[in-house]
Amino acid sequence: MSIERLNSLLGNKIKNMSEVQTAWCTVKSIDWDKKLMDVVGIVDDLEYYDVLLGLGSEDKKPVIGCTCIIGIIGNESGNSFLIYAEELEEIEIKVGSSLLHVKKDGFILKQNSESLKTVLNDLIDELNKIVVIQGRSINVPAMALIKQRLNKILIG
């Protein structure tokens, strides 16, 4: 199910004043590439398939076996999405052309095609070229370009 379809269903339900139902579940399996998971209800053992891991700008990858809350639109189990998970493996947040991807082993911060890691590595490489000899200096134009790239990623 596409996000556009889900948004359309959500819009229709809001117009009809139909509430989104929720269910406490246990995560059974995850397809992170498709941003879907399968869960089973804690109270009723009802299985929900192809539950969306996010809506729009945020996707969460819960740990298999953890407890989660899903939203069910119009009492249709095929229209469900993750609201909360007690433990996450990963989370991706997209705002415009910015991306924050947090994993257990670290995080990725990008603005367009620029990665903070790459920019900082380039900065370190340039700093490593400094030779302490009278009359020598760092490559000022290269450092200025790296600073411009960094300022496109970090604000404030």
Protein backbone atom coordinates (compact mmCIF):
# COMPACT_ATOMS: atom_id res chain seq x y z
CA MET A 1 0.00 0.00 0.00
CA SER A 2 1.37 3.39 -0.94
CA ILE A 3 1.62 6.33 1.41
CA GLU A 4 -0.68 8.27 -0.92
CA ARG A 5 -3.34 5.56 -0.60
CA LEU A 6 -2.96 5.48 3.17
CA ASN A 7 -3.20 9.27 3.36
CA SER A 8 -6.35 9.12 1.23
CA LEU A 9 -7.87 6.52 3.53
CA LEU A 10 -6.90 8.57 6.57
CA GLY A 11 -8.47 11.66 5.01
CA ASN A 12 -11.72 9.84 4.25
CA LYS A 13 -11.92 8.45 7.76
CA ILE A 14 -11.33 11.85 9.31
CA LYS A 15 -14.13 13.26 7.16
CA ASN A 16 -16.40 10.47 8.35
CA MET A 17 -15.28 11.07 11.97
CA SER A 18 -14.12 7.46 12.16
CA GLU A 19 -11.47 6.90 14.81
CA VAL A 20 -8.22 5.07 14.27
CA GLN A 21 -8.17 1.95 16.40
CA THR A 22 -5.03 0.69 18.11
CA ALA A 23 -3.71 -2.71 19.12
CA TRP A 24 -0.83 -3.87 21.30
CA CYS A 25 1.20 -6.39 19.31
CA THR A 26 4.43 -8.36 19.18
CA VAL A 27 6.72 -7.92 16.16
CA LYS A 28 7.09 -11.18 14.20
CA SER A 29 9.06 -10.17 11.09
CA ILE A 30 10.35 -7.07 9.32
CA ASP A 31 11.10 -6.19 5.70
CA TRP A 32 13.17 -3.01 6.14
CA ASP A 33 13.64 -2.53 2.38
CA LYS A 34 9.86 -2.39 1.85
CA LYS A 35 9.30 -0.66 5.23
CA LEU A 36 6.76 -3.31 6.30
CA MET A 37 6.37 -5.72 9.21
CA ASP A 38 4.12 -8.54 10.38
CA VAL A 39 2.84 -8.57 13.97
CA VAL A 40 0.53 -10.58 16.21
CA GLY A 41 -1.95 -9.09 18.66
CA ILE A 42 -1.10 -9.59 22.34
CA VAL A 43 -4.70 -9.82 23.53
CA ASP A 44 -6.35 -11.73 20.67
CA ASP A 45 -3.47 -13.41 18.75
CA LEU A 46 -4.81 -11.75 15.58
CA GLU A 47 -2.10 -11.48 12.91
CA TYR A 48 -1.54 -8.25 11.01
CA TYR A 49 0.46 -8.37 7.77
CA ASP A 50 2.22 -5.59 5.86
CA VAL A 51 2.02 -3.07 8.69
CA LEU A 52 3.70 0.18 7.56
CA LEU A 53 6.84 1.07 9.55
CA GLY A 54 6.17 4.76 9.11
CA LEU A 55 4.06 7.41 7.47
CA GLY A 56 5.77 9.95 5.28
CA SER A 57 8.94 11.38 6.75
CA GLU A 58 9.72 8.87 9.51
CA ASP A 59 10.35 5.11 9.43
CA LYS A 60 11.12 2.99 12.51
CA LYS A 61 12.57 -0.52 12.54
CA PRO A 62 11.54 -2.25 15.78
CA VAL A 63 13.41 -5.20 17.26
CA ILE A 64 11.79 -8.54 16.38
CA GLY A 65 9.92 -9.85 19.42
CA CYS A 66 9.38 -6.44 21.01
CA THR A 67 6.01 -5.00 21.98
CA CYS A 68 4.53 -2.30 19.77
CA ILE A 69 1.35 -0.33 19.19
CA ILE A 70 -0.17 -0.25 15.72
CA GLY A 71 -2.93 1.94 14.33
CA ILE A 72 -5.71 0.28 12.34
CA ILE A 73 -7.73 2.49 10.01
CA GLY A 74 -11.43 1.74 9.58
CA ASN A 75 -11.18 -1.61 11.36
CA GLU A 76 -9.35 -2.96 8.29
CA SER A 77 -6.24 -4.93 9.26
CA GLY A 78 -4.74 -4.23 5.82
CA ASN A 79 -4.64 -0.52 6.67
CA SER A 80 -2.31 -0.54 9.65
CA PHE A 81 0.81 1.38 10.65
CA LEU A 82 3.36 1.42 13.47
CA ILE A 83 2.75 4.05 16.14
CA TYR A 84 5.22 3.00 18.87
CA ALA A 85 7.78 0.26 19.54
CA GLU A 86 9.42 -0.40 22.90
CA GLU A 87 12.81 -1.00 21.26
CA LEU A 88 14.22 0.09 17.91
CA GLU A 89 17.06 -1.18 15.74
CA GLU A 90 16.97 1.82 13.39
CA ILE A 91 15.06 5.02 12.68
CA GLU A 92 15.12 7.22 9.59
CA ILE A 93 13.86 10.79 9.58
CA LYS A 94 13.63 12.79 6.36
CA VAL A 95 12.95 16.53 6.25
CA GLY A 96 13.20 17.98 2.76
CA SER A 97 16.63 17.00 1.47
CA SER A 98 17.99 16.25 4.96
CA LEU A 99 18.30 12.72 6.35
CA LEU A 100 19.05 11.47 9.85
CA HIS A 101 19.48 7.69 10.02
CA VAL A 102 20.19 6.34 13.52
CA LYS A 103 21.42 2.76 14.04
CA LYS A 104 22.75 0.94 17.07
CA ASP A 105 26.32 1.35 15.83
CA GLY A 106 26.12 5.03 14.91
CA PHE A 107 24.27 7.56 12.79
CA ILE A 108 24.28 9.01 9.29
CA LEU A 109 23.59 12.70 8.72
CA LYS A 110 23.14 13.90 5.14
CA GLN A 111 22.09 17.06 3.35
CA ASN A 112 21.39 16.27 -0.32
CA SER A 113 24.34 14.10 -1.38
CA GLU A 114 26.73 15.48 1.28
CA SER A 115 27.47 13.28 4.30
CA LEU A 116 28.74 14.77 7.54
CA LYS A 117 31.16 11.85 7.86
CA THR A 118 32.68 12.54 4.43
CA VAL A 119 33.02 16.26 5.07
CA LEU A 120 34.69 15.71 8.44
CA ASN A 121 36.99 13.08 6.95
CA ASP A 122 38.00 15.53 4.22
CA LEU A 123 38.67 18.16 6.90
CA ILE A 124 40.86 15.77 8.84
CA ASP A 125 42.75 14.82 5.68
CA GLU A 126 43.48 18.47 4.99
CA LEU A 127 44.55 19.13 8.58
CA ASN A 128 46.86 16.15 8.37
CA LYS A 129 48.70 17.82 5.51
CA ILE A 130 49.92 20.61 7.79
CA VAL A 131 53.67 20.59 8.04
CA VAL A 132 55.23 22.59 10.84
CA ILE A 133 58.03 24.26 8.93
CA GLN A 134 58.65 27.98 8.88
CA GLY A 135 56.81 29.61 5.96
CA ARG A 136 54.45 26.66 5.36
CA SER A 137 50.70 26.87 5.81
CA ILE A 138 47.67 24.67 5.35
CA ASN A 139 45.80 24.66 2.05
CA VAL A 140 43.52 27.60 2.80
CA PRO A 141 41.34 27.33 -0.35
CA ALA A 142 40.67 23.63 0.31
CA MET A 143 39.81 24.36 3.94
CA ALA A 144 37.40 27.13 2.84
CA LEU A 145 35.61 24.73 0.48
CA ILE A 146 35.29 22.11 3.23
CA LYS A 147 33.88 24.76 5.57
CA GLN A 148 31.26 25.72 2.95
CA ARG A 149 30.23 22.05 2.61
CA LEU A 150 30.01 21.68 6.40
CA ASN A 151 27.85 24.80 6.69
CA LYS A 152 25.38 23.30 4.18
CA ILE A 153 24.86 20.32 6.51
CA LEU A 154 24.99 21.87 9.98
CA ILE A 155 22.95 24.88 11.01
CA GLY A 156 22.92 26.93 14.20
